[in-house]
Amino acid sequence: MDDVNLTLSMLAAVLISNSLVKIIPAGIPAPLVQILLGFLIAGWFNHGMTLNPDLFFYLFLPPLLFLDGWRISKESLIRDRIGILVLAFILVFLTVFGLGHVLHWLIPAMPLPVAFALAAIVSPTDPVAVSAITRRVPLPPRLQALLEGESLFNDASGLVAFRLAVALAMGGSFSVTSASQNFLWLTLAGLAVGVVATRALLFMRNLFVRRWGEEPGAEILFSLLLPFASYYLAEQLEASGILAAVAAGVTMSYAELSGNALAATRMQRKTVWDTLQLSLNGMMFVLLGEQLPAIFRGAVQVVQETGHHNPAWLLVYAVAMCTTLILLRFLCVYAYLWIRRGLSMLGLRHDDETAQANPRLVLVLSIAGVRGAVTLAGVMTLPLTVSDGSPFPARDLAIFLASVVIIVSLLTASIALPPLMKHVSFPALRRRQEQEERAEQAVRHASAQSVAQTLSELIAHNPESSGARYTAMADRVLSTIAHNPQGNGVDQSLAEQALEKNMQIQAIHAAREAVYTLARTHQISDEIARERVRLLDLVELHMS
């Protein structure tokens, strides 16, 4: 019962933290409040929660990565693909190599493979933590999209590098050829499993739904199980379950554009996934605070083994790590933009606003790459023992340093970003405005066509009826879809009410299909399509 009460207390802390951040005028990020509440929970209970690393990883990461892949804008991924790949892969490997050697030099008691593992797990950024920090100080949309795209893939690259480093620390041998082959298998097989498994499960589910109908609760449960199924199958094949979960999410986003689900399913599914994301991310930070006292005691013991009897050295290590991370990130981004500008000046590529970013925006991009849930979830999976049964070297110190990096990066971003962004003006989002107008026109055109067709059929089948009543009915339907409903000032029979409702449903279906068609043909972004479809779903649910 103690573990159950502890878990419930953590969920309550997530709820309380989201209320506190709205009350506190200082604009403290929710993750920091959650860490503090977790620390208080650790003092309230006599014992902490003992975590099984593999179970912790399996329960927390697949749904979070799946949701990232599901909701990421594919338009942004395609537009900024080079920059995203540079940050998600090249920067991660530079961080593993550079920071790993710095850590081993600072802390001789930490073996080089363990230092590489720690460097790998602090390399992924967390867009949820970024959004928590920037809720009052928004980033330029292009930088925000770049951070979101980077986080989708550096989760995978960082965690794959982490797994390789941990295997080496467990006593395995290392060779460039073997590591390259292992990385390719983990990457390609993980992506393939995520896509194939999700498509196969969706195909079987669609066959069932077409034969026996759709039930929203079952569909939501099905979507919740998809990331775990993809992750499990990939791990059984010794591929990357992380990449499988990401690929499953991206595949789900394409399947969503088919528009097969009911409006009630989409609305309820979004609510459930939003709640799950809030709970899991919040639980991560509360759990971090709850584990800090025990982690700190173990870290002090490791520091003393290095000959430094002052625990203040822990702070030195953490500051050195954060400084190295920001410096590597700044140099990588600046070098990438310098190369882009050089290619543009030579006429080898078309320049854009990203390549024109000034040093201040490069610094913003460097500081905004804060660490969060993925880093915490990954570092908690460090094995308790190595292959010969002895304790995993410097495990508590590695977990403590990763935890402090999360806290320090959150603090740095929350303090530094507001003054850096104070006088930055955002360019007009002309492309988004054009896409919104295109979606609005498509909704109006498709609904008007559907209403006109239904109206002509009604008049043709009922020539003796008053065409004026049908025309007024059509006007009310179109005004409702345009979110400017007209009052029904006439009495209607039950038959006329049924006709109007049927006309409205057909118009909504036609408008929704027009939006999905624009998204499938890449004329509007997935984000705009979801927003527009959500408005249509609200109208349909209001009718029923």
Protein backbone atom coordinates (compact mmCIF):
# COMPACT_ATOMS: atom_id res chain seq x y z
CA MET A 1 0.00 0.00 0.00
CA ASP A 2 2.93 2.36 0.62
CA ASP A 3 3.97 2.16 -3.04
CA VAL A 4 0.38 2.77 -4.14
CA ASN A 5 0.07 5.79 -1.84
CA LEU A 6 3.44 7.07 -3.11
CA THR A 7 2.28 6.78 -6.72
CA LEU A 8 -1.00 8.55 -5.97
CA SER A 9 0.92 11.29 -4.16
CA MET A 10 3.06 11.82 -7.25
CA LEU A 11 0.00 12.13 -9.46
CA ALA A 12 -1.47 14.62 -7.00
CA ALA A 13 1.82 16.54 -7.14
CA VAL A 14 1.51 16.78 -10.94
CA LEU A 15 -1.98 18.24 -10.53
CA ILE A 16 -0.86 20.67 -7.81
CA SER A 17 2.18 21.80 -9.80
CA ASN A 18 0.07 22.79 -12.81
CA SER A 19 -2.11 24.89 -10.52
CA LEU A 20 0.86 26.49 -8.77
CA VAL A 21 2.54 27.66 -11.99
CA LYS A 22 -0.62 29.64 -12.79
CA ILE A 23 -0.72 31.22 -9.34
CA ILE A 24 2.98 32.07 -8.90
CA PRO A 25 3.64 35.39 -10.70
CA ALA A 26 7.36 34.70 -11.24
CA GLY A 27 6.67 32.33 -14.13
CA ILE A 28 8.57 29.35 -12.70
CA PRO A 29 8.48 26.39 -15.14
CA ALA A 30 6.24 23.50 -14.13
CA PRO A 31 9.10 20.92 -14.21
CA LEU A 32 10.99 22.81 -11.49
CA VAL A 33 7.89 22.96 -9.29
CA GLN A 34 7.37 19.22 -9.86
CA ILE A 35 10.96 18.43 -8.86
CA LEU A 36 10.50 20.42 -5.64
CA LEU A 37 7.23 18.64 -4.83
CA GLY A 38 8.92 15.29 -5.45
CA PHE A 39 11.67 16.28 -3.02
CA LEU A 40 9.02 17.08 -0.40
CA ILE A 41 7.33 13.72 -1.04
CA ALA A 42 10.66 11.96 -0.41
CA GLY A 43 10.82 13.61 3.03
CA TRP A 44 7.22 12.65 3.83
CA PHE A 45 7.56 8.91 3.14
CA ASN A 46 10.00 6.78 5.12
CA HIS A 47 11.27 4.98 2.02
CA GLY A 48 11.61 5.92 -1.59
CA MET A 49 10.32 4.11 -4.63
CA THR A 50 12.63 1.34 -5.84
CA LEU A 51 12.69 1.44 -9.62
CA ASN A 52 13.21 -1.45 -11.99
CA PRO A 53 15.20 0.28 -14.78
CA ASP A 54 13.86 -1.82 -17.68
CA LEU A 55 10.26 -1.57 -16.46
CA PHE A 56 10.61 2.17 -15.93
CA PHE A 57 11.93 2.62 -19.48
CA TYR A 58 9.20 0.40 -20.97
CA LEU A 59 6.31 2.16 -19.22
CA PHE A 60 7.31 5.80 -19.71
CA LEU A 61 9.15 6.25 -23.00
CA PRO A 62 7.13 4.42 -25.72
CA PRO A 63 3.91 6.49 -25.33
CA LEU A 64 5.82 9.80 -25.06
CA LEU A 65 7.93 9.13 -28.15
CA PHE A 66 4.91 7.77 -30.02
CA LEU A 67 2.98 10.97 -29.31
CA ASP A 68 5.93 13.12 -30.43
CA GLY A 69 6.03 11.24 -33.74
CA TRP A 70 2.25 11.43 -34.11
CA ARG A 71 1.92 15.19 -33.59
CA ILE A 72 5.14 16.51 -35.13
CA SER A 73 4.61 18.68 -38.18
CA LYS A 74 5.80 16.73 -41.21
CA GLU A 75 6.01 20.00 -43.14
CA SER A 76 8.57 21.30 -40.63
CA LEU A 77 10.46 18.02 -40.78
CA ILE A 78 10.77 18.25 -44.56
CA ARG A 79 11.56 21.98 -44.62
CA ASP A 80 14.25 21.89 -41.92
CA ARG A 81 15.42 18.32 -42.48
CA ILE A 82 19.12 19.20 -42.87
CA GLY A 83 19.25 21.31 -39.72
CA ILE A 84 17.29 18.70 -37.77
CA LEU A 85 19.62 15.91 -38.89
CA VAL A 86 22.67 17.97 -37.94
CA LEU A 87 21.33 18.62 -34.45
CA ALA A 88 19.83 15.17 -33.96
CA PHE A 89 22.76 13.05 -35.16
CA ILE A 90 25.99 14.95 -35.72
CA LEU A 91 25.62 17.03 -32.55
CA VAL A 92 24.67 13.94 -30.52
CA PHE A 93 27.78 12.04 -31.61
CA LEU A 94 29.98 15.10 -31.00
CA THR A 95 28.44 15.39 -27.54
CA VAL A 96 29.03 11.73 -26.74
CA PHE A 97 32.67 11.89 -27.83
CA GLY A 98 33.51 15.38 -26.50
CA LEU A 99 31.59 15.43 -23.23
CA GLY A 100 32.48 11.80 -22.54
CA HIS A 101 36.20 12.56 -22.58
CA VAL A 102 35.68 15.71 -20.48
CA LEU A 103 33.81 13.70 -17.85
CA HIS A 104 36.44 10.95 -17.75
CA TRP A 105 39.14 13.60 -17.35
CA LEU A 106 37.25 15.35 -14.54
CA ILE A 107 36.19 12.13 -12.77
CA PRO A 108 38.82 9.38 -13.12
CA ALA A 109 36.66 7.05 -11.01
CA MET A 110 34.07 7.09 -13.84
CA PRO A 111 35.20 4.65 -16.57
CA LEU A 112 35.21 6.01 -20.11
CA PRO A 113 32.29 3.79 -21.29
CA VAL A 114 30.17 5.06 -18.37
CA ALA A 115 31.19 8.65 -19.22
CA PHE A 116 30.12 8.01 -22.84
CA ALA A 117 26.80 6.62 -21.58
CA LEU A 118 26.19 9.68 -19.41
CA ALA A 119 27.12 12.03 -22.26
CA ALA A 120 24.75 10.14 -24.58
CA ILE A 121 21.79 10.30 -22.21
CA VAL A 122 22.11 14.06 -21.59
CA SER A 123 22.30 14.80 -25.33
CA PRO A 124 18.53 14.54 -26.13
CA THR A 125 16.49 17.72 -25.67
CA ASP A 126 12.93 17.90 -24.34
CA PRO A 127 10.33 20.04 -26.18
CA VAL A 128 7.84 19.70 -23.32
CA ALA A 129 10.29 21.34 -20.92
CA VAL A 130 10.99 24.05 -23.51
CA SER A 131 7.30 24.83 -23.92
CA ALA A 132 6.91 25.00 -20.13
CA ILE A 133 9.68 27.60 -19.98
CA THR A 134 8.58 29.65 -22.99
CA ARG A 135 4.87 29.86 -22.23
CA ARG A 136 5.33 33.59 -21.42
CA VAL A 137 8.34 34.19 -23.70
CA PRO A 138 7.58 32.47 -27.02
CA LEU A 139 10.34 31.46 -29.41
CA PRO A 140 10.27 32.28 -33.13
CA PRO A 141 8.11 29.64 -34.87
CA ARG A 142 11.01 28.46 -37.02
CA LEU A 143 13.24 27.89 -33.98
CA GLN A 144 10.39 26.17 -32.13
CA ALA A 145 9.84 23.81 -35.09
CA LEU A 146 13.57 23.11 -35.27
CA LEU A 147 13.67 22.21 -31.56
CA GLU A 148 10.64 19.94 -31.88
CA GLY A 149 12.03 18.14 -34.93
CA GLU A 150 15.42 17.76 -33.30
CA SER A 151 13.93 16.29 -30.13
CA LEU A 152 12.03 13.69 -32.13
CA PHE A 153 15.20 12.19 -33.55
CA ASN A 154 17.85 12.99 -30.97
CA ASP A 155 15.80 10.99 -28.48
CA ALA A 156 16.44 8.01 -30.72
CA SER A 157 20.08 8.72 -31.60
CA GLY A 158 20.99 9.61 -28.01
CA LEU A 159 19.31 6.55 -26.55
CA VAL A 160 20.80 4.22 -29.16
CA ALA A 161 24.26 5.63 -28.38
CA PHE A 162 23.44 5.21 -24.68
CA ARG A 163 22.59 1.53 -25.18
CA LEU A 164 25.85 0.92 -27.06
CA ALA A 165 27.89 2.64 -24.33
CA VAL A 166 26.13 0.68 -21.57
CA ALA A 167 26.81 -2.59 -23.39
CA LEU A 168 30.49 -1.62 -23.55
CA ALA A 169 30.50 -0.76 -19.84
CA MET A 170 28.96 -4.15 -19.07
CA GLY A 171 32.10 -5.83 -20.37
CA GLY A 172 31.50 -6.05 -24.10
CA SER A 173 34.20 -5.39 -26.68
CA PHE A 174 34.20 -2.45 -29.08
CA SER A 175 35.10 -2.20 -32.74
CA VAL A 176 34.16 0.44 -35.28
CA THR A 177 32.81 -2.15 -37.74
CA SER A 178 30.74 -3.97 -35.14
CA ALA A 179 29.43 -0.73 -33.64
CA SER A 180 28.47 0.62 -37.09
CA GLN A 181 26.67 -2.60 -38.01
CA ASN A 182 24.91 -2.65 -34.65
CA PHE A 183 23.84 0.97 -35.02
CA LEU A 184 22.51 0.39 -38.54
CA TRP A 185 20.56 -2.66 -37.41
CA LEU A 186 19.15 -0.87 -34.38
CA THR A 187 18.16 2.12 -36.52
CA LEU A 188 16.84 0.55 -39.72
CA ALA A 189 15.21 -2.47 -38.11
CA GLY A 190 13.65 -0.29 -35.42
CA LEU A 191 12.14 2.06 -37.99
CA ALA A 192 10.93 -0.84 -40.13
CA VAL A 193 9.31 -2.64 -37.20
CA GLY A 194 7.51 0.53 -36.12
CA VAL A 195 6.09 1.16 -39.59
CA VAL A 196 5.23 -2.45 -40.49
CA ALA A 197 3.75 -3.37 -37.11
CA THR A 198 1.60 -0.23 -36.95
CA ARG A 199 0.35 -0.61 -40.52
CA ALA A 200 -0.46 -4.29 -39.96
CA LEU A 201 -2.33 -3.62 -36.72
CA LEU A 202 -4.21 -0.68 -38.27
CA PHE A 203 -5.17 -2.83 -41.26
CA MET A 204 -6.59 -5.57 -39.06
CA ARG A 205 -8.37 -3.02 -36.88
CA ASN A 206 -9.94 -1.34 -39.94
CA LEU A 207 -11.22 -4.70 -41.18
CA PHE A 208 -12.87 -5.30 -37.82
CA VAL A 209 -14.38 -1.80 -37.69
CA ARG A 210 -15.80 -2.05 -41.22
CA ARG A 211 -17.47 -5.35 -40.31
CA TRP A 212 -18.71 -4.66 -36.78
CA GLY A 213 -18.54 -0.90 -36.31
CA GLU A 214 -16.44 1.48 -34.24
CA GLU A 215 -16.55 2.05 -30.50
CA PRO A 216 -14.58 5.12 -29.28
CA GLY A 217 -13.36 3.55 -26.04
CA ALA A 218 -11.91 0.53 -27.84
CA GLU A 219 -10.26 2.75 -30.46
CA ILE A 220 -8.59 4.85 -27.75
CA LEU A 221 -7.31 1.73 -25.99
CA PHE A 222 -6.01 0.44 -29.32
CA SER A 223 -4.03 3.66 -29.89
CA LEU A 224 -2.62 3.44 -26.34
CA LEU A 225 -1.34 -0.10 -26.93
CA LEU A 226 0.26 0.63 -30.32
CA PRO A 227 3.52 2.15 -29.00
CA PHE A 228 4.03 -0.69 -26.52
CA ALA A 229 3.43 -3.31 -29.22
CA SER A 230 5.92 -1.66 -31.59
CA TYR A 231 8.49 -1.21 -28.84
CA TYR A 232 8.16 -4.81 -27.63
CA LEU A 233 8.42 -6.34 -31.11
CA ALA A 234 11.51 -4.28 -31.93
CA GLU A 235 13.21 -5.24 -28.66
CA GLN A 236 12.51 -8.91 -29.33
CA LEU A 237 14.38 -8.52 -32.63
CA GLU A 238 17.21 -6.71 -30.80
CA ALA A 239 16.37 -3.54 -32.71
CA SER A 240 15.67 -0.09 -31.28
CA GLY A 241 12.30 -0.03 -29.57
CA ILE A 242 12.74 3.72 -29.24
CA LEU A 243 12.87 4.26 -32.98
CA ALA A 244 10.04 1.77 -33.42
CA ALA A 245 7.83 3.89 -31.13
CA VAL A 246 8.75 7.07 -33.03
CA ALA A 247 8.10 5.40 -36.40
CA ALA A 248 4.78 4.07 -35.11
CA GLY A 249 3.75 7.60 -34.18
CA VAL A 250 4.66 9.02 -37.58
CA THR A 251 2.79 6.14 -39.25
CA MET A 252 -0.22 6.89 -37.07
CA SER A 253 -0.16 10.52 -38.21
CA TYR A 254 -0.43 9.39 -41.84
CA ALA A 255 -3.21 6.95 -40.96
CA GLU A 256 -5.06 9.78 -39.24
CA LEU A 257 -5.29 11.64 -42.56
CA SER A 258 -7.57 8.91 -43.92
CA GLY A 259 -10.34 10.36 -41.76
CA ASN A 260 -11.83 6.94 -40.98
CA ALA A 261 -12.33 7.54 -37.25
CA LEU A 262 -15.54 8.92 -35.82
CA ALA A 263 -15.64 12.50 -34.54
CA ALA A 264 -16.27 11.24 -30.99
CA THR A 265 -13.22 8.97 -31.24
CA ARG A 266 -10.94 11.80 -32.34
CA MET A 267 -12.16 14.17 -29.65
CA GLN A 268 -11.97 11.66 -26.82
CA ARG A 269 -8.66 10.25 -28.03
CA LYS A 270 -7.05 13.69 -28.01
CA THR A 271 -8.25 14.30 -24.47
CA VAL A 272 -6.94 10.96 -23.24
CA TRP A 273 -3.54 11.42 -24.90
CA ASP A 274 -3.21 14.99 -23.58
CA THR A 275 -3.92 13.71 -20.07
CA LEU A 276 -1.45 10.85 -20.49
CA GLN A 277 1.26 13.19 -21.75
CA LEU A 278 0.70 15.59 -18.84
CA SER A 279 0.76 12.75 -16.32
CA LEU A 280 3.83 10.93 -17.65
CA ASN A 281 5.93 14.06 -18.13
CA GLY A 282 4.92 15.39 -14.74
CA MET A 283 5.57 12.04 -13.05
CA MET A 284 9.08 12.05 -14.54
CA PHE A 285 10.02 15.29 -12.81
CA VAL A 286 8.24 14.44 -9.55
CA LEU A 287 10.06 11.11 -9.55
CA LEU A 288 13.33 12.94 -10.13
CA GLY A 289 12.74 15.04 -7.02
CA GLU A 290 11.69 11.98 -5.01
CA GLN A 291 14.88 10.11 -5.96
CA LEU A 292 17.27 13.03 -5.41
CA PRO A 293 18.10 12.43 -1.71
CA ALA A 294 19.13 8.80 -2.24
CA ILE A 295 20.93 9.66 -5.48
CA PHE A 296 22.85 12.45 -3.76
CA ARG A 297 24.08 10.13 -1.01
CA GLY A 298 25.38 7.64 -3.56
CA ALA A 299 27.00 10.40 -5.63
CA VAL A 300 28.86 11.80 -2.57
CA GLN A 301 30.31 8.35 -1.93
CA VAL A 302 31.63 8.11 -5.51
CA VAL A 303 33.14 11.62 -5.28
CA GLN A 304 34.96 10.65 -2.10
CA GLU A 305 36.45 7.68 -3.92
CA THR A 306 38.07 10.11 -6.37
CA GLY A 307 39.95 11.80 -3.51
CA HIS A 308 37.65 14.87 -3.38
CA HIS A 309 36.08 14.79 0.08
CA ASN A 310 34.08 17.98 -0.48
CA PRO A 311 30.60 17.32 -1.98
CA ALA A 312 30.84 20.75 -3.63
CA TRP A 313 32.75 19.01 -6.40
CA LEU A 314 29.39 17.64 -7.53
CA LEU A 315 28.37 21.18 -8.43
CA VAL A 316 31.68 21.69 -10.29
CA TYR A 317 31.02 18.56 -12.36
CA ALA A 318 27.45 19.63 -13.14
CA VAL A 319 28.45 23.17 -14.18
CA ALA A 320 31.24 21.77 -16.36
CA MET A 321 28.76 19.43 -18.04
CA CYS A 322 26.19 22.15 -18.74
CA THR A 323 28.82 24.57 -20.02
CA THR A 324 30.25 21.92 -22.34
CA LEU A 325 26.78 21.02 -23.64
CA ILE A 326 25.91 24.65 -24.44
CA LEU A 327 29.32 25.30 -26.00
CA LEU A 328 29.17 22.22 -28.24
CA ARG A 329 25.63 23.10 -29.27
CA PHE A 330 26.56 26.71 -30.04
CA LEU A 331 29.60 25.71 -32.12
CA CYS A 332 27.66 23.07 -34.04
CA VAL A 333 24.76 25.41 -34.89
CA TYR A 334 27.06 28.29 -35.77
CA ALA A 335 29.22 26.08 -38.02
CA TYR A 336 26.12 24.73 -39.75
CA LEU A 337 24.77 28.23 -40.44
CA TRP A 338 28.20 29.42 -41.60
CA ILE A 339 28.37 26.54 -44.12
CA ARG A 340 24.81 27.26 -45.30
CA ARG A 341 25.62 30.90 -45.84
CA GLY A 342 28.75 29.99 -47.76
CA LEU A 343 26.81 27.66 -50.03
CA SER A 344 24.19 30.36 -50.56
CA MET A 345 26.82 32.93 -51.51
CA LEU A 346 28.21 30.45 -54.06
CA GLY A 347 24.71 30.00 -55.48
CA LEU A 348 24.60 26.32 -54.55
CA ARG A 349 21.45 26.67 -52.46
CA HIS A 350 18.66 29.14 -51.78
CA ASP A 351 19.15 31.06 -48.55
CA ASP A 352 16.36 31.66 -46.04
CA GLU A 353 15.73 33.21 -42.66
CA THR A 354 17.27 30.31 -40.75
CA ALA A 355 20.64 30.83 -42.42
CA GLN A 356 20.46 34.54 -41.58
CA ALA A 357 20.14 33.86 -37.85
CA ASN A 358 22.30 36.19 -35.77
CA PRO A 359 24.55 35.06 -32.87
CA ARG A 360 21.82 35.97 -30.38
CA LEU A 361 19.35 33.53 -31.96
CA VAL A 362 22.09 30.89 -32.15
CA LEU A 363 22.63 31.37 -28.41
CA VAL A 364 18.86 31.12 -27.86
CA LEU A 365 18.79 27.84 -29.78
CA SER A 366 21.73 26.61 -27.70
CA ILE A 367 20.20 27.48 -24.33
CA ALA A 368 16.66 26.41 -25.26
CA GLY A 369 17.82 22.83 -25.79
CA VAL A 370 16.95 21.85 -22.21
CA ARG A 371 16.95 18.30 -20.93
CA GLY A 372 13.97 16.59 -19.43
CA ALA A 373 11.89 13.42 -19.35
CA VAL A 374 13.86 11.34 -21.85
CA THR A 375 17.17 12.02 -20.09
CA LEU A 376 15.68 11.07 -16.73
CA ALA A 377 13.95 7.95 -18.07
CA GLY A 378 17.10 6.81 -19.86
CA VAL A 379 19.58 7.33 -17.03
CA MET A 380 17.30 5.46 -14.62
CA THR A 381 17.78 2.35 -16.77
CA LEU A 382 21.48 2.08 -15.99
CA PRO A 383 21.99 -1.52 -14.81
CA LEU A 384 22.47 -2.14 -11.11
CA THR A 385 25.29 -4.63 -11.73
CA VAL A 386 27.71 -5.56 -14.52
CA SER A 387 28.08 -9.02 -16.05
CA ASP A 388 30.23 -10.40 -13.21
CA GLY A 389 27.72 -9.33 -10.54
CA SER A 390 29.68 -6.36 -9.20
CA PRO A 391 27.95 -2.97 -8.85
CA PHE A 392 27.74 -0.84 -11.99
CA PRO A 393 30.60 1.68 -11.70
CA ALA A 394 29.62 5.25 -10.72
CA ARG A 395 25.92 4.53 -11.32
CA ASP A 396 24.63 6.85 -8.58
CA LEU A 397 26.99 9.63 -9.66
CA ALA A 398 25.87 9.32 -13.29
CA ILE A 399 22.20 9.48 -12.28
CA PHE A 400 22.85 12.44 -9.99
CA LEU A 401 24.79 14.39 -12.63
CA ALA A 402 22.09 13.74 -15.26
CA SER A 403 19.47 14.94 -12.76
CA VAL A 404 21.43 18.10 -11.96
CA VAL A 405 21.93 18.79 -15.69
CA ILE A 406 18.14 18.67 -16.12
CA ILE A 407 17.63 21.13 -13.25
CA VAL A 408 20.48 23.47 -14.26
CA SER A 409 19.41 23.52 -17.93
CA LEU A 410 15.84 24.36 -16.89
CA LEU A 411 17.06 27.14 -14.60
CA THR A 412 19.47 28.52 -17.21
CA ALA A 413 16.81 28.61 -19.91
CA SER A 414 14.15 30.13 -17.65
CA ILE A 415 16.55 32.90 -16.52
CA ALA A 416 18.41 33.60 -19.77
CA LEU A 417 15.70 33.29 -22.44
CA PRO A 418 13.45 36.22 -21.38
CA PRO A 419 16.17 38.91 -21.70
CA LEU A 420 17.56 37.32 -24.87
CA MET A 421 14.13 37.31 -26.53
CA LYS A 422 13.04 40.71 -25.20
CA HIS A 423 13.58 42.75 -28.38
CA VAL A 424 13.33 39.98 -30.97
CA SER A 425 10.59 40.56 -33.55
CA PHE A 426 9.01 37.57 -35.29
CA PRO A 427 8.49 37.62 -39.07
CA ALA A 428 4.94 37.39 -40.33
CA LEU A 429 3.76 33.81 -40.72
CA ARG A 430 2.67 34.36 -44.30
CA ARG A 431 2.78 30.67 -45.22
CA ARG A 432 0.61 29.65 -42.27
CA GLN A 433 -1.92 32.39 -43.04
CA GLU A 434 -2.11 31.22 -46.64
CA GLN A 435 -2.68 27.63 -45.52
CA GLU A 436 -5.38 28.65 -43.06
CA GLU A 437 -7.16 30.61 -45.78
CA ARG A 438 -6.82 27.65 -48.16
CA ALA A 439 -8.33 25.31 -45.57
CA GLU A 440 -11.17 27.76 -44.86
CA GLN A 441 -11.97 28.09 -48.57
CA ALA A 442 -11.92 24.31 -48.97
CA VAL A 443 -14.33 23.88 -46.05
CA ARG A 444 -16.73 26.47 -47.45
CA HIS A 445 -16.57 25.12 -51.00
CA ALA A 446 -17.00 21.47 -50.03
CA SER A 447 -19.84 22.14 -47.59
CA ALA A 448 -21.59 24.43 -50.09
CA GLN A 449 -21.34 21.77 -52.81
CA SER A 450 -22.70 19.10 -50.46
CA VAL A 451 -25.57 21.30 -49.34
CA ALA A 452 -26.40 22.28 -52.92
CA GLN A 453 -26.46 18.64 -54.00
CA THR A 454 -28.68 17.64 -51.06
CA LEU A 455 -30.94 20.64 -51.70
CA SER A 456 -31.41 19.76 -55.36
CA GLU A 457 -32.23 16.16 -54.44
CA LEU A 458 -34.80 17.29 -51.87
CA ILE A 459 -36.51 19.64 -54.32
CA ALA A 460 -36.46 16.99 -57.04
CA HIS A 461 -38.05 14.38 -54.78
CA ASN A 462 -40.51 16.82 -53.21
CA PRO A 463 -41.57 19.25 -55.97
CA GLU A 464 -44.75 20.15 -54.12
CA SER A 465 -42.86 21.35 -51.03
CA SER A 466 -41.80 24.93 -50.47
CA GLY A 467 -38.32 25.54 -51.84
CA ALA A 468 -37.96 28.53 -49.53
CA ARG A 469 -38.00 26.29 -46.45
CA TYR A 470 -35.27 24.10 -47.90
CA THR A 471 -33.20 27.15 -48.82
CA ALA A 472 -33.51 28.54 -45.30
CA MET A 473 -32.50 25.11 -44.01
CA ALA A 474 -29.40 25.17 -46.22
CA ASP A 475 -28.47 28.67 -45.02
CA ARG A 476 -28.65 27.53 -41.40
CA VAL A 477 -26.45 24.52 -42.13
CA LEU A 478 -23.76 26.60 -43.86
CA SER A 479 -23.79 29.26 -41.15
CA THR A 480 -23.34 26.59 -38.46
CA ILE A 481 -20.33 25.08 -40.24
CA ALA A 482 -18.92 28.60 -40.58
CA HIS A 483 -19.29 28.93 -36.75
CA ASN A 484 -21.84 31.71 -37.10
CA PRO A 485 -25.06 29.86 -36.31
CA GLN A 486 -28.37 31.51 -37.14
CA GLY A 487 -31.30 31.15 -34.81
CA ASN A 488 -34.04 28.84 -35.96
CA GLY A 489 -37.00 31.15 -36.04
CA VAL A 490 -39.41 28.70 -37.66
CA ASP A 491 -41.24 25.70 -36.35
CA GLN A 492 -40.04 22.44 -37.84
CA SER A 493 -41.61 19.05 -37.92
CA LEU A 494 -39.59 16.05 -36.81
CA ALA A 495 -39.14 15.09 -40.46
CA GLU A 496 -37.72 18.50 -41.35
CA GLN A 497 -35.39 18.39 -38.35
CA ALA A 498 -34.13 15.01 -39.49
CA LEU A 499 -33.61 16.35 -43.03
CA GLU A 500 -31.65 19.35 -41.76
CA LYS A 501 -29.52 17.16 -39.49
CA ASN A 502 -28.75 14.79 -42.36
CA MET A 503 -27.87 17.74 -44.60
CA GLN A 504 -25.53 19.08 -41.94
CA ILE A 505 -23.80 15.73 -41.38
CA GLN A 506 -23.20 15.29 -45.10
CA ALA A 507 -21.81 18.83 -45.35
CA ILE A 508 -19.46 18.25 -42.38
CA HIS A 509 -18.22 14.97 -43.86
CA ALA A 510 -17.56 16.66 -47.20
CA ALA A 511 -15.73 19.57 -45.54
CA ARG A 512 -13.64 17.24 -43.40
CA GLU A 513 -12.66 15.13 -46.41
CA ALA A 514 -11.63 18.30 -48.25
CA VAL A 515 -9.34 19.25 -45.35
CA TYR A 516 -7.80 15.78 -45.25
CA THR A 517 -7.25 15.90 -49.02
CA LEU A 518 -5.33 19.17 -48.67
CA ALA A 519 -3.20 17.62 -45.91
CA ARG A 520 -2.53 14.42 -47.89
CA THR A 521 -1.39 16.46 -50.87
CA HIS A 522 0.79 18.68 -48.62
CA GLN A 523 -1.14 21.86 -49.41
CA ILE A 524 -1.67 22.49 -45.69
CA SER A 525 0.22 21.28 -42.64
CA ASP A 526 -0.95 18.48 -40.36
CA GLU A 527 -1.32 20.99 -37.53
CA ILE A 528 -3.74 23.18 -39.48
CA ALA A 529 -5.64 20.10 -40.66
CA ARG A 530 -6.07 18.88 -37.07
CA GLU A 531 -7.26 22.30 -35.93
CA ARG A 532 -9.80 22.57 -38.74
CA VAL A 533 -11.04 19.00 -38.31
CA ARG A 534 -11.38 19.56 -34.57
CA LEU A 535 -13.72 22.51 -35.20
CA LEU A 536 -15.83 20.39 -37.55
CA ASP A 537 -15.89 17.56 -35.00
CA LEU A 538 -17.16 19.98 -32.36
CA VAL A 539 -20.04 20.99 -34.64
CA GLU A 540 -20.91 17.35 -35.35
CA LEU A 541 -20.81 16.36 -31.68
CA HIS A 542 -22.92 19.40 -30.75
CA MET A 543 -25.58 18.21 -33.20
CA SER A 544 -25.71 14.77 -31.62
